[in-house]
């Protein structure tokens, strides 16, 4: 999915990196050459369009980020990585069906 051929860390400034995580999965992501300096993250929930930011810069060891999707609702998430916390927020709109409660009418005959 990622093409890192001839791409330097400077090319990633201002960009985001998105990684899909099934519920409960843990991954080791090699960030060498992708993001330089501090890296921030957020869990994007595609079902409601919200992003839960992770606190502070993430801990990267030898260019490797180890992280697990521990979503409380048991749903899949997309990890958004960026060089700033603001870069982790995904502007989104909610599309889909509108759920409304219809009027209930009761008729009694005596």
PDB file of N, CA and C in Angstrom:
ATOM      1  N   UNK A   1       0.813  -1.193   0.000  1.00  0.00           N
ATOM      2  CA  UNK A   1       0.000   0.000   0.000  1.00  0.00           C
ATOM      3  C   UNK A   1       0.858   1.259   0.000  1.00  0.00           C
ATOM      4  N   UNK A   2       1.956   1.258   0.750  1.00  0.00           N
ATOM      5  CA  UNK A   2       2.830   2.412   0.788  1.00  0.00           C
ATOM      6  C   UNK A   2       3.964   2.225  -0.197  1.00  0.00           C
ATOM      7  N   UNK A   3       4.201   3.223  -1.002  1.00  0.00           N
ATOM      8  CA  UNK A   3       5.313   3.182  -1.937  1.00  0.00           C
ATOM      9  C   UNK A   3       6.362   4.147  -1.428  1.00  0.00           C
ATOM     10  N   UNK A   4       7.443   3.618  -0.860  1.00  0.00           N
ATOM     11  CA  UNK A   4       8.478   4.457  -0.281  1.00  0.00           C
ATOM     12  C   UNK A   4       9.658   4.627  -1.223  1.00  0.00           C
ATOM     13  N   UNK A   5       9.562   4.138  -2.430  1.00  0.00           N
ATOM     14  CA  UNK A   5      10.650   4.224  -3.394  1.00  0.00           C
ATOM     15  C   UNK A   5      11.011   5.684  -3.668  1.00  0.00           C
ATOM     16  N   UNK A   6      12.262   6.046  -3.394  1.00  0.00           N
ATOM     17  CA  UNK A   6      12.792   7.389  -3.621  1.00  0.00           C
ATOM     18  C   UNK A   6      11.966   8.480  -2.950  1.00  0.00           C
ATOM     19  N   UNK A   7      11.478   8.210  -1.759  1.00  0.00           N
ATOM     20  CA  UNK A   7      10.704   9.208  -1.028  1.00  0.00           C
ATOM     21  C   UNK A   7      11.429   9.514   0.268  1.00  0.00           C
ATOM     22  N   UNK A   8      11.821  10.760   0.459  1.00  0.00           N
ATOM     23  CA  UNK A   8      12.558  11.135   1.661  1.00  0.00           C
ATOM     24  C   UNK A   8      11.596  11.578   2.757  1.00  0.00           C
ATOM     25  N   UNK A   9      12.136  11.683   3.981  1.00  0.00           N
ATOM     26  CA  UNK A   9      11.317  12.126   5.112  1.00  0.00           C
ATOM     27  C   UNK A   9      10.806  13.543   4.893  1.00  0.00           C
ATOM     28  N   UNK A  10      11.585  14.379   4.214  1.00  0.00           N
ATOM     29  CA  UNK A  10      11.159  15.759   3.953  1.00  0.00           C
ATOM     30  C   UNK A  10       9.907  15.791   3.083  1.00  0.00           C
ATOM     31  N   UNK A  11       9.728  14.797   2.223  1.00  0.00           N
ATOM     32  CA  UNK A  11       8.547  14.742   1.358  1.00  0.00           C
ATOM     33  C   UNK A  11       7.271  14.521   2.154  1.00  0.00           C
ATOM     34  N   UNK A  12       7.361  13.983   3.371  1.00  0.00           N
ATOM     35  CA  UNK A  12       6.175  13.657   4.163  1.00  0.00           C
ATOM     36  C   UNK A  12       5.725  14.813   5.050  1.00  0.00           C
ATOM     37  N   UNK A  13       6.444  15.948   5.053  1.00  0.00           N
ATOM     38  CA  UNK A  13       6.031  17.042   5.927  1.00  0.00           C
ATOM     39  C   UNK A  13       4.648  17.527   5.523  1.00  0.00           C
ATOM     40  N   UNK A  14       3.768  17.671   6.500  1.00  0.00           N
ATOM     41  CA  UNK A  14       2.405  18.104   6.234  1.00  0.00           C
ATOM     42  C   UNK A  14       1.498  17.004   5.705  1.00  0.00           C
ATOM     43  N   UNK A  15       1.985  15.814   5.559  1.00  0.00           N
ATOM     44  CA  UNK A  15       1.170  14.705   5.072  1.00  0.00           C
ATOM     45  C   UNK A  15       0.750  13.818   6.224  1.00  0.00           C
ATOM     46  N   UNK A  16      -0.208  12.948   5.933  1.00  0.00           N
ATOM     47  CA  UNK A  16      -0.687  11.979   6.916  1.00  0.00           C
ATOM     48  C   UNK A  16      -0.407  10.580   6.420  1.00  0.00           C
ATOM     49  N   UNK A  17      -0.290   9.698   7.371  1.00  0.00           N
ATOM     50  CA  UNK A  17      -0.144   8.278   7.067  1.00  0.00           C
ATOM     51  C   UNK A  17      -1.326   7.579   7.724  1.00  0.00           C
ATOM     52  N   UNK A  18      -2.069   6.795   6.959  1.00  0.00           N
ATOM     53  CA  UNK A  18      -3.250   6.096   7.476  1.00  0.00           C
ATOM     54  C   UNK A  18      -3.008   4.593   7.417  1.00  0.00           C
ATOM     55  N   UNK A  19      -3.305   3.906   8.529  1.00  0.00           N
ATOM     56  CA  UNK A  19      -3.113   2.460   8.620  1.00  0.00           C
ATOM     57  C   UNK A  19      -4.384   1.841   9.177  1.00  0.00           C
ATOM     58  N   UNK A  20      -4.968   0.902   8.421  1.00  0.00           N
ATOM     59  CA  UNK A  20      -6.190   0.213   8.860  1.00  0.00           C
ATOM     60  C   UNK A  20      -5.859  -0.831   9.925  1.00  0.00           C
ATOM     61  N   UNK A  21      -6.682  -0.869  10.984  1.00  0.00           N
ATOM     62  CA  UNK A  21      -6.538  -1.851  12.053  1.00  0.00           C
ATOM     63  C   UNK A  21      -7.878  -2.531  12.292  1.00  0.00           C
ATOM     64  N   UNK A  22      -7.912  -3.838  12.175  1.00  0.00           N
ATOM     65  CA  UNK A  22      -9.088  -4.582  12.613  1.00  0.00           C
ATOM     66  C   UNK A  22      -9.110  -4.531  14.140  1.00  0.00           C
ATOM     67  N   UNK A  23     -10.249  -4.752  14.734  1.00  0.00           N
ATOM     68  CA  UNK A  23     -10.381  -4.695  16.181  1.00  0.00           C
ATOM     69  C   UNK A  23      -9.435  -5.691  16.853  1.00  0.00           C
ATOM     70  N   UNK A  24      -8.718  -5.206  17.856  1.00  0.00           N
ATOM     71  CA  UNK A  24      -7.839  -6.067  18.634  1.00  0.00           C
ATOM     72  C   UNK A  24      -6.505  -6.401  17.990  1.00  0.00           C
ATOM     73  N   UNK A  25      -6.239  -5.889  16.801  1.00  0.00           N
ATOM     74  CA  UNK A  25      -4.976  -6.212  16.138  1.00  0.00           C
ATOM     75  C   UNK A  25      -3.857  -5.299  16.608  1.00  0.00           C
ATOM     76  N   UNK A  26      -2.663  -5.839  16.594  1.00  0.00           N
ATOM     77  CA  UNK A  26      -1.464  -5.095  16.970  1.00  0.00           C
ATOM     78  C   UNK A  26      -0.503  -5.127  15.794  1.00  0.00           C
ATOM     79  N   UNK A  27       0.115  -3.997  15.529  1.00  0.00           N
ATOM     80  CA  UNK A  27       1.028  -3.908  14.387  1.00  0.00           C
ATOM     81  C   UNK A  27       2.322  -3.220  14.782  1.00  0.00           C
ATOM     82  N   UNK A  28       3.354  -3.548  14.040  1.00  0.00           N
ATOM     83  CA  UNK A  28       4.643  -2.851  14.120  1.00  0.00           C
ATOM     84  C   UNK A  28       4.801  -2.143  12.780  1.00  0.00           C
ATOM     85  N   UNK A  29       4.856  -0.816  12.827  1.00  0.00           N
ATOM     86  CA  UNK A  29       4.905  -0.008  11.615  1.00  0.00           C
ATOM     87  C   UNK A  29       6.288   0.607  11.478  1.00  0.00           C
ATOM     88  N   UNK A  30       6.951   0.336  10.361  1.00  0.00           N
ATOM     89  CA  UNK A  30       8.276   0.889  10.082  1.00  0.00           C
ATOM     90  C   UNK A  30       8.100   2.291   9.506  1.00  0.00           C
ATOM     91  N   UNK A  31       8.470   3.298  10.288  1.00  0.00           N
ATOM     92  CA  UNK A  31       8.308   4.690   9.872  1.00  0.00           C
ATOM     93  C   UNK A  31       9.589   5.284   9.296  1.00  0.00           C
ATOM     94  N   UNK A  32      10.644   4.497   9.181  1.00  0.00           N
ATOM     95  CA  UNK A  32      11.899   4.996   8.633  1.00  0.00           C
ATOM     96  C   UNK A  32      11.672   5.558   7.238  1.00  0.00           C
ATOM     97  N   UNK A  33      12.029   6.822   7.056  1.00  0.00           N
ATOM     98  CA  UNK A  33      11.875   7.481   5.768  1.00  0.00           C
ATOM     99  C   UNK A  33      10.488   7.995   5.484  1.00  0.00           C
ATOM    100  N   UNK A  34       9.534   7.779   6.395  1.00  0.00           N
ATOM    101  CA  UNK A  34       8.167   8.238   6.158  1.00  0.00           C
ATOM    102  C   UNK A  34       7.835   9.495   6.945  1.00  0.00           C
ATOM    103  N   UNK A  35       8.083   9.482   8.239  1.00  0.00           N
ATOM    104  CA  UNK A  35       7.815  10.641   9.076  1.00  0.00           C
ATOM    105  C   UNK A  35       9.076  10.955   9.866  1.00  0.00           C
ATOM    106  N   UNK A  36       9.435  12.219   9.926  1.00  0.00           N
ATOM    107  CA  UNK A  36      10.656  12.636  10.614  1.00  0.00           C
ATOM    108  C   UNK A  36      10.282  13.449  11.846  1.00  0.00           C
ATOM    109  N   UNK A  37      11.052  13.330  12.907  1.00  0.00           N
ATOM    110  CA  UNK A  37      10.794  14.089  14.129  1.00  0.00           C
ATOM    111  C   UNK A  37       9.689  13.456  14.950  1.00  0.00           C
ATOM    112  N   UNK A  38       8.968  14.299  15.699  1.00  0.00           N
ATOM    113  CA  UNK A  38       7.895  13.800  16.544  1.00  0.00           C
ATOM    114  C   UNK A  38       6.731  13.314  15.685  1.00  0.00           C
ATOM    115  N   UNK A  39       6.095  12.233  16.155  1.00  0.00           N
ATOM    116  CA  UNK A  39       4.959  11.655  15.453  1.00  0.00           C
ATOM    117  C   UNK A  39       3.774  11.604  16.413  1.00  0.00           C
ATOM    118  N   UNK A  40       2.637  12.101  15.947  1.00  0.00           N
ATOM    119  CA  UNK A  40       1.412  12.099  16.729  1.00  0.00           C
ATOM    120  C   UNK A  40       0.418  11.158  16.057  1.00  0.00           C
ATOM    121  N   UNK A  41      -0.528  10.675  16.853  1.00  0.00           N
ATOM    122  CA  UNK A  41      -1.489   9.725  16.296  1.00  0.00           C
ATOM    123  C   UNK A  41      -2.896   9.960  16.786  1.00  0.00           C
ATOM    124  N   UNK A  42      -3.834   9.408  16.044  1.00  0.00           N
ATOM    125  CA  UNK A  42      -5.236   9.459  16.412  1.00  0.00           C
ATOM    126  C   UNK A  42      -5.964   8.283  15.797  1.00  0.00           C
ATOM    127  N   UNK A  43      -6.940   7.759  16.525  1.00  0.00           N
ATOM    128  CA  UNK A  43      -7.764   6.654  16.025  1.00  0.00           C
ATOM    129  C   UNK A  43      -9.000   7.245  15.366  1.00  0.00           C
ATOM    130  N   UNK A  44      -9.134   7.062  14.066  1.00  0.00           N
ATOM    131  CA  UNK A  44     -10.293   7.530  13.315  1.00  0.00           C
ATOM    132  C   UNK A  44     -11.330   6.420  13.290  1.00  0.00           C
ATOM    133  N   UNK A  45     -12.563   6.772  13.679  1.00  0.00           N
ATOM    134  CA  UNK A  45     -13.672   5.831  13.684  1.00  0.00           C
ATOM    135  C   UNK A  45     -14.536   6.117  12.458  1.00  0.00           C
ATOM    136  N   UNK A  46     -14.451   5.277  11.411  1.00  0.00           N
ATOM    137  CA  UNK A  46     -15.213   5.555  10.199  1.00  0.00           C
ATOM    138  C   UNK A  46     -16.725   5.501  10.387  1.00  0.00           C
ATOM    139  N   UNK A  47     -17.213   4.834  11.432  1.00  0.00           N
ATOM    140  CA  UNK A  47     -18.659   4.725  11.614  1.00  0.00           C
ATOM    141  C   UNK A  47     -19.285   6.025  12.107  1.00  0.00           C
ATOM    142  N   UNK A  48     -18.509   6.875  12.813  1.00  0.00           N
ATOM    143  CA  UNK A  48     -19.085   8.145  13.268  1.00  0.00           C
ATOM    144  C   UNK A  48     -18.269   9.366  12.827  1.00  0.00           C
ATOM    145  N   UNK A  49     -17.141   9.155  12.160  1.00  0.00           N
ATOM    146  CA  UNK A  49     -16.341  10.263  11.642  1.00  0.00           C
ATOM    147  C   UNK A  49     -15.526  11.002  12.670  1.00  0.00           C
ATOM    148  N   UNK A  50     -15.413  10.451  13.864  1.00  0.00           N
ATOM    149  CA  UNK A  50     -14.664  11.120  14.936  1.00  0.00           C
ATOM    150  C   UNK A  50     -13.254  10.554  15.044  1.00  0.00           C
ATOM    151  N   UNK A  51     -12.346  11.409  15.540  1.00  0.00           N
ATOM    152  CA  UNK A  51     -10.969  10.992  15.766  1.00  0.00           C
ATOM    153  C   UNK A  51     -10.634  11.175  17.234  1.00  0.00           C
ATOM    154  N   UNK A  52     -10.132  10.117  17.862  1.00  0.00           N
ATOM    155  CA  UNK A  52      -9.683  10.175  19.248  1.00  0.00           C
ATOM    156  C   UNK A  52      -8.165  10.329  19.222  1.00  0.00           C
ATOM    157  N   UNK A  53      -7.671  11.529  19.609  1.00  0.00           N
ATOM    158  CA  UNK A  53      -6.245  11.779  19.581  1.00  0.00           C
ATOM    159  C   UNK A  53      -5.542  11.022  20.704  1.00  0.00           C
ATOM    160  N   UNK A  54      -4.364  10.503  20.404  1.00  0.00           N
ATOM    161  CA  UNK A  54      -3.537   9.864  21.413  1.00  0.00           C
ATOM    162  C   UNK A  54      -2.737  10.955  22.107  1.00  0.00           C
ATOM    163  N   UNK A  55      -2.464  10.804  23.389  1.00  0.00           N
ATOM    164  CA  UNK A  55      -1.796  11.865  24.135  1.00  0.00           C
ATOM    165  C   UNK A  55      -0.311  11.947  23.785  1.00  0.00           C
ATOM    166  N   UNK A  56       0.128  13.169  23.522  1.00  0.00           N
ATOM    167  CA  UNK A  56       1.538  13.450  23.272  1.00  0.00           C
ATOM    168  C   UNK A  56       2.110  12.746  22.057  1.00  0.00           C
ATOM    169  N   UNK A  57       3.395  13.021  21.799  1.00  0.00           N
ATOM    170  CA  UNK A  57       4.041  12.316  20.689  1.00  0.00           C
ATOM    171  C   UNK A  57       4.157  10.826  21.004  1.00  0.00           C
ATOM    172  N   UNK A  58       4.077  10.003  19.969  1.00  0.00           N
ATOM    173  CA  UNK A  58       4.168   8.557  20.140  1.00  0.00           C
ATOM    174  C   UNK A  58       5.613   8.137  20.343  1.00  0.00           C
ATOM    175  N   UNK A  59       5.791   7.007  21.003  1.00  0.00           N
ATOM    176  CA  UNK A  59       7.126   6.476  21.229  1.00  0.00           C
ATOM    177  C   UNK A  59       7.532   5.626  20.037  1.00  0.00           C
ATOM    178  N   UNK A  60       8.573   6.065  19.361  1.00  0.00           N
ATOM    179  CA  UNK A  60       9.106   5.361  18.203  1.00  0.00           C
ATOM    180  C   UNK A  60      10.475   4.821  18.606  1.00  0.00           C
ATOM    181  N   UNK A  61      10.696   3.511  18.441  1.00  0.00           N
ATOM    182  CA  UNK A  61      11.962   2.891  18.796  1.00  0.00           C
ATOM    183  C   UNK A  61      12.643   2.383  17.536  1.00  0.00           C
ATOM    184  N   UNK A  62      13.805   2.966  17.227  1.00  0.00           N
ATOM    185  CA  UNK A  62      14.552   2.589  16.020  1.00  0.00           C
ATOM    186  C   UNK A  62      13.686   2.677  14.765  1.00  0.00           C
ATOM    187  N   UNK A  63      12.825   3.697  14.716  1.00  0.00           N
ATOM    188  CA  UNK A  63      11.975   3.904  13.545  1.00  0.00           C
ATOM    189  C   UNK A  63      10.741   3.026  13.500  1.00  0.00           C
ATOM    190  N   UNK A  64      10.511   2.210  14.547  1.00  0.00           N
ATOM    191  CA  UNK A  64       9.376   1.280  14.572  1.00  0.00           C
ATOM    192  C   UNK A  64       8.357   1.738  15.612  1.00  0.00           C
ATOM    193  N   UNK A  65       7.094   1.797  15.201  1.00  0.00           N
ATOM    194  CA  UNK A  65       5.993   2.094  16.110  1.00  0.00           C
ATOM    195  C   UNK A  65       5.231   0.804  16.354  1.00  0.00           C
ATOM    196  N   UNK A  66       5.108   0.403  17.617  1.00  0.00           N
ATOM    197  CA  UNK A  66       4.287  -0.754  17.992  1.00  0.00           C
ATOM    198  C   UNK A  66       3.016  -0.216  18.631  1.00  0.00           C
ATOM    199  N   UNK A  67       1.860  -0.615  18.092  1.00  0.00           N
ATOM    200  CA  UNK A  67       0.599  -0.074  18.587  1.00  0.00           C
ATOM    201  C   UNK A  67      -0.518  -1.084  18.356  1.00  0.00           C
ATOM    202  N   UNK A  68      -1.516  -1.036  19.247  1.00  0.00           N
ATOM    203  CA  UNK A  68      -2.641  -1.980  19.193  1.00  0.00           C
ATOM    204  C   UNK A  68      -3.960  -1.221  19.204  1.00  0.00           C
ATOM    205  N   UNK A  69      -4.921  -1.714  18.424  1.00  0.00           N
ATOM    206  CA  UNK A  69      -6.278  -1.166  18.423  1.00  0.00           C
ATOM    207  C   UNK A  69      -7.049  -1.804  19.571  1.00  0.00           C
ATOM    208  N   UNK A  70      -7.238  -1.042  20.641  1.00  0.00           N
ATOM    209  CA  UNK A  70      -7.994  -1.509  21.807  1.00  0.00           C
ATOM    210  C   UNK A  70      -9.336  -0.792  21.895  1.00  0.00           C
ATOM    211  N   UNK A  71     -10.006  -0.614  20.782  1.00  0.00           N
ATOM    212  CA  UNK A  71     -11.256   0.144  20.800  1.00  0.00           C
ATOM    213  C   UNK A  71     -12.257  -0.496  21.754  1.00  0.00           C
ATOM    214  N   UNK A  72     -12.864   0.337  22.584  1.00  0.00           N
ATOM    215  CA  UNK A  72     -13.805  -0.144  23.593  1.00  0.00           C
ATOM    216  C   UNK A  72     -15.048  -0.768  22.974  1.00  0.00           C
ATOM    217  N   UNK A  73     -15.440  -0.293  21.791  1.00  0.00           N
ATOM    218  CA  UNK A  73     -16.649  -0.817  21.158  1.00  0.00           C
ATOM    219  C   UNK A  73     -16.381  -2.047  20.295  1.00  0.00           C
ATOM    220  N   UNK A  74     -15.120  -2.454  20.192  1.00  0.00           N
ATOM    221  CA  UNK A  74     -14.780  -3.655  19.439  1.00  0.00           C
ATOM    222  C   UNK A  74     -14.820  -3.487  17.932  1.00  0.00           C
ATOM    223  N   UNK A  75     -14.833  -2.233  17.451  1.00  0.00           N
ATOM    224  CA  UNK A  75     -14.896  -1.989  16.013  1.00  0.00           C
ATOM    225  C   UNK A  75     -13.517  -1.679  15.425  1.00  0.00           C
ATOM    226  N   UNK A  76     -13.436  -1.795  14.112  1.00  0.00           N
ATOM    227  CA  UNK A  76     -12.209  -1.473  13.402  1.00  0.00           C
ATOM    228  C   UNK A  76     -11.939   0.031  13.503  1.00  0.00           C
ATOM    229  N   UNK A  77     -10.672   0.396  13.326  1.00  0.00           N
ATOM    230  CA  UNK A  77     -10.261   1.803  13.346  1.00  0.00           C
ATOM    231  C   UNK A  77      -9.201   2.027  12.274  1.00  0.00           C
ATOM    232  N   UNK A  78      -8.958   3.292  11.985  1.00  0.00           N
ATOM    233  CA  UNK A  78      -7.867   3.699  11.103  1.00  0.00           C
ATOM    234  C   UNK A  78      -6.949   4.571  11.944  1.00  0.00           C
ATOM    235  N   UNK A  79      -5.675   4.178  12.030  1.00  0.00           N
ATOM    236  CA  UNK A  79      -4.692   4.965  12.756  1.00  0.00           C
ATOM    237  C   UNK A  79      -4.184   6.043  11.818  1.00  0.00           C
ATOM    238  N   UNK A  80      -4.276   7.307  12.247  1.00  0.00           N
ATOM    239  CA  UNK A  80      -3.777   8.433  11.476  1.00  0.00           C
ATOM    240  C   UNK A  80      -2.510   8.929  12.166  1.00  0.00           C
ATOM    241  N   UNK A  81      -1.412   8.973  11.435  1.00  0.00           N
ATOM    242  CA  UNK A  81      -0.145   9.458  11.960  1.00  0.00           C
ATOM    243  C   UNK A  81       0.230  10.739  11.234  1.00  0.00           C
ATOM    244  N   UNK A  82       0.752  11.722  11.980  1.00  0.00           N
ATOM    245  CA  UNK A  82       1.147  13.002  11.397  1.00  0.00           C
ATOM    246  C   UNK A  82       2.227  13.639  12.265  1.00  0.00           C
ATOM    247  N   UNK A  83       2.828  14.701  11.746  1.00  0.00           N
ATOM    248  CA  UNK A  83       3.893  15.386  12.485  1.00  0.00           C
ATOM    249  C   UNK A  83       3.351  16.394  13.495  1.00  0.00           C
ATOM    250  N   UNK A  84       2.035  16.655  13.485  1.00  0.00           N
ATOM    251  CA  UNK A  84       1.400  17.539  14.461  1.00  0.00           C
ATOM    252  C   UNK A  84       0.086  16.903  14.909  1.00  0.00           C
ATOM    253  N   UNK A  85      -0.393  17.236  16.117  1.00  0.00           N
ATOM    254  CA  UNK A  85      -1.681  16.696  16.557  1.00  0.00           C
ATOM    255  C   UNK A  85      -2.832  17.112  15.633  1.00  0.00           C
ATOM    256  N   UNK A  86      -2.785  18.340  15.130  1.00  0.00           N
ATOM    257  CA  UNK A  86      -3.843  18.821  14.239  1.00  0.00           C
ATOM    258  C   UNK A  86      -3.891  17.999  12.948  1.00  0.00           C
ATOM    259  N   UNK A  87      -2.744  17.498  12.518  1.00  0.00           N
ATOM    260  CA  UNK A  87      -2.684  16.698  11.302  1.00  0.00           C
ATOM    261  C   UNK A  87      -3.380  15.357  11.427  1.00  0.00           C
ATOM    262  N   UNK A  88      -3.661  14.932  12.648  1.00  0.00           N
ATOM    263  CA  UNK A  88      -4.317  13.635  12.885  1.00  0.00           C
ATOM    264  C   UNK A  88      -5.835  13.721  12.750  1.00  0.00           C
ATOM    265  N   UNK A  89      -6.370  14.917  12.744  1.00  0.00           N
ATOM    266  CA  UNK A  89      -7.819  15.079  12.620  1.00  0.00           C
ATOM    267  C   UNK A  89      -8.217  15.011  11.153  1.00  0.00           C
ATOM    268  N   UNK A  90      -9.228  14.219  10.881  1.00  0.00           N
ATOM    269  CA  UNK A  90      -9.724  14.055   9.519  1.00  0.00           C
ATOM    270  C   UNK A  90     -11.054  14.792   9.406  1.00  0.00           C
ATOM    271  N   UNK A  91     -11.122  15.832   8.548  1.00  0.00           N
ATOM    272  CA  UNK A  91     -12.416  16.475   8.353  1.00  0.00           C
ATOM    273  C   UNK A  91     -13.354  15.482   7.679  1.00  0.00           C
ATOM    274  N   UNK A  92     -14.533  15.334   8.229  1.00  0.00           N
ATOM    275  CA  UNK A  92     -15.436  14.331   7.660  1.00  0.00           C
ATOM    276  C   UNK A  92     -16.874  14.796   7.755  1.00  0.00           C
ATOM    277  N   UNK A  93     -17.683  14.167   6.963  1.00  0.00           N
ATOM    278  CA  UNK A  93     -19.116  14.359   6.994  1.00  0.00           C
ATOM    279  C   UNK A  93     -19.752  13.005   7.225  1.00  0.00           C
ATOM    280  N   UNK A  94     -20.900  13.012   7.810  1.00  0.00           N
ATOM    281  CA  UNK A  94     -21.610  11.763   8.027  1.00  0.00           C
ATOM    282  C   UNK A  94     -22.643  11.599   6.931  1.00  0.00           C
ATOM    283  N   UNK A  95     -22.565  10.478   6.266  1.00  0.00           N
ATOM    284  CA  UNK A  95     -23.537  10.143   5.237  1.00  0.00           C
ATOM    285  C   UNK A  95     -24.274   8.888   5.675  1.00  0.00           C
ATOM    286  N   UNK A  96     -25.466   8.721   5.200  1.00  0.00           N
ATOM    287  CA  UNK A  96     -26.188   7.502   5.540  1.00  0.00           C
ATOM    288  C   UNK A  96     -27.646   7.798   5.781  1.00  0.00           C
ATOM    289  N   UNK A  97     -28.278   6.834   6.384  1.00  0.00           N
ATOM    290  CA  UNK A  97     -29.710   6.959   6.580  1.00  0.00           C
ATOM    291  C   UNK A  97     -30.018   7.777   7.821  1.00  0.00           C
ATOM    292  N   UNK A  98     -31.124   8.453   7.769  1.00  0.00           N
ATOM    293  CA  UNK A  98     -31.589   9.212   8.914  1.00  0.00           C
ATOM    294  C   UNK A  98     -32.540   8.329   9.701  1.00  0.00           C
ATOM    295  N   UNK A  99     -32.310   8.247  10.980  1.00  0.00           N
ATOM    296  CA  UNK A  99     -33.171   7.417  11.819  1.00  0.00           C
ATOM    297  C   UNK A  99     -34.137   8.309  12.575  1.00  0.00           C
ATOM    298  N   UNK A 100     -35.409   8.121  12.296  1.00  0.00           N
ATOM    299  CA  UNK A 100     -36.436   8.910  12.970  1.00  0.00           C
ATOM    300  C   UNK A 100     -37.446   7.969  13.618  1.00  0.00           C
ATOM    301  N   UNK A 101     -38.086   8.482  14.619  1.00  0.00           N
ATOM    302  CA  UNK A 101     -39.120   7.717  15.291  1.00  0.00           C
ATOM    303  C   UNK A 101     -40.469   8.180  14.770  1.00  0.00           C
ATOM    304  N   UNK A 102     -41.219   7.243  14.256  1.00  0.00           N
ATOM    305  CA  UNK A 102     -42.535   7.583  13.715  1.00  0.00           C
ATOM    306  C   UNK A 102     -43.569   7.749  14.818  1.00  0.00           C
ATOM    307  N   UNK A 103     -44.653   8.397  14.464  1.00  0.00           N
ATOM    308  CA  UNK A 103     -45.742   8.612  15.428  1.00  0.00           C
ATOM    309  C   UNK A 103     -46.510   7.300  15.583  1.00  0.00           C
ATOM    310  N   UNK A 104     -46.802   6.956  16.828  1.00  0.00           N
ATOM    311  CA  UNK A 104     -47.548   5.731  17.108  1.00  0.00           C
ATOM    312  C   UNK A 104     -49.003   6.111  17.393  1.00  0.00           C
ATOM    313  N   UNK A 105     -49.916   5.493  16.653  1.00  0.00           N
ATOM    314  CA  UNK A 105     -51.339   5.753  16.853  1.00  0.00           C
ATOM    315  C   UNK A 105     -52.009   4.464  17.304  1.00  0.00           C
ATOM    316  N   UNK A 106     -52.839   4.597  18.307  1.00  0.00           N
ATOM    317  CA  UNK A 106     -53.567   3.432  18.803  1.00  0.00           C
ATOM    318  C   UNK A 106     -55.058   3.712  18.673  1.00  0.00           C
ATOM    319  N   UNK A 107     -55.764   2.761  18.150  1.00  0.00           N
ATOM    320  CA  UNK A 107     -57.210   2.893  17.987  1.00  0.00           C
ATOM    321  C   UNK A 107     -57.867   1.781  18.784  1.00  0.00           C
ATOM    322  N   UNK A 108     -58.798   2.184  19.626  1.00  0.00           N
ATOM    323  CA  UNK A 108     -59.521   1.206  20.425  1.00  0.00           C
ATOM    324  C   UNK A 108     -61.001   1.267  20.064  1.00  0.00           C
ATOM    325  N   UNK A 109     -61.588   0.131  19.832  1.00  0.00           N
ATOM    326  CA  UNK A 109     -63.034   0.101  19.578  1.00  0.00           C
ATOM    327  C   UNK A 109     -63.698  -0.567  20.781  1.00  0.00           C
ATOM    328  N   UNK A 110     -64.823   0.023  21.244  1.00  0.00           N
ATOM    329  CA  UNK A 110     -65.543  -0.530  22.400  1.00  0.00           C
ATOM    330  C   UNK A 110     -66.847  -1.085  21.984  1.00  0.00           C
TER     331      UNK A 110
END
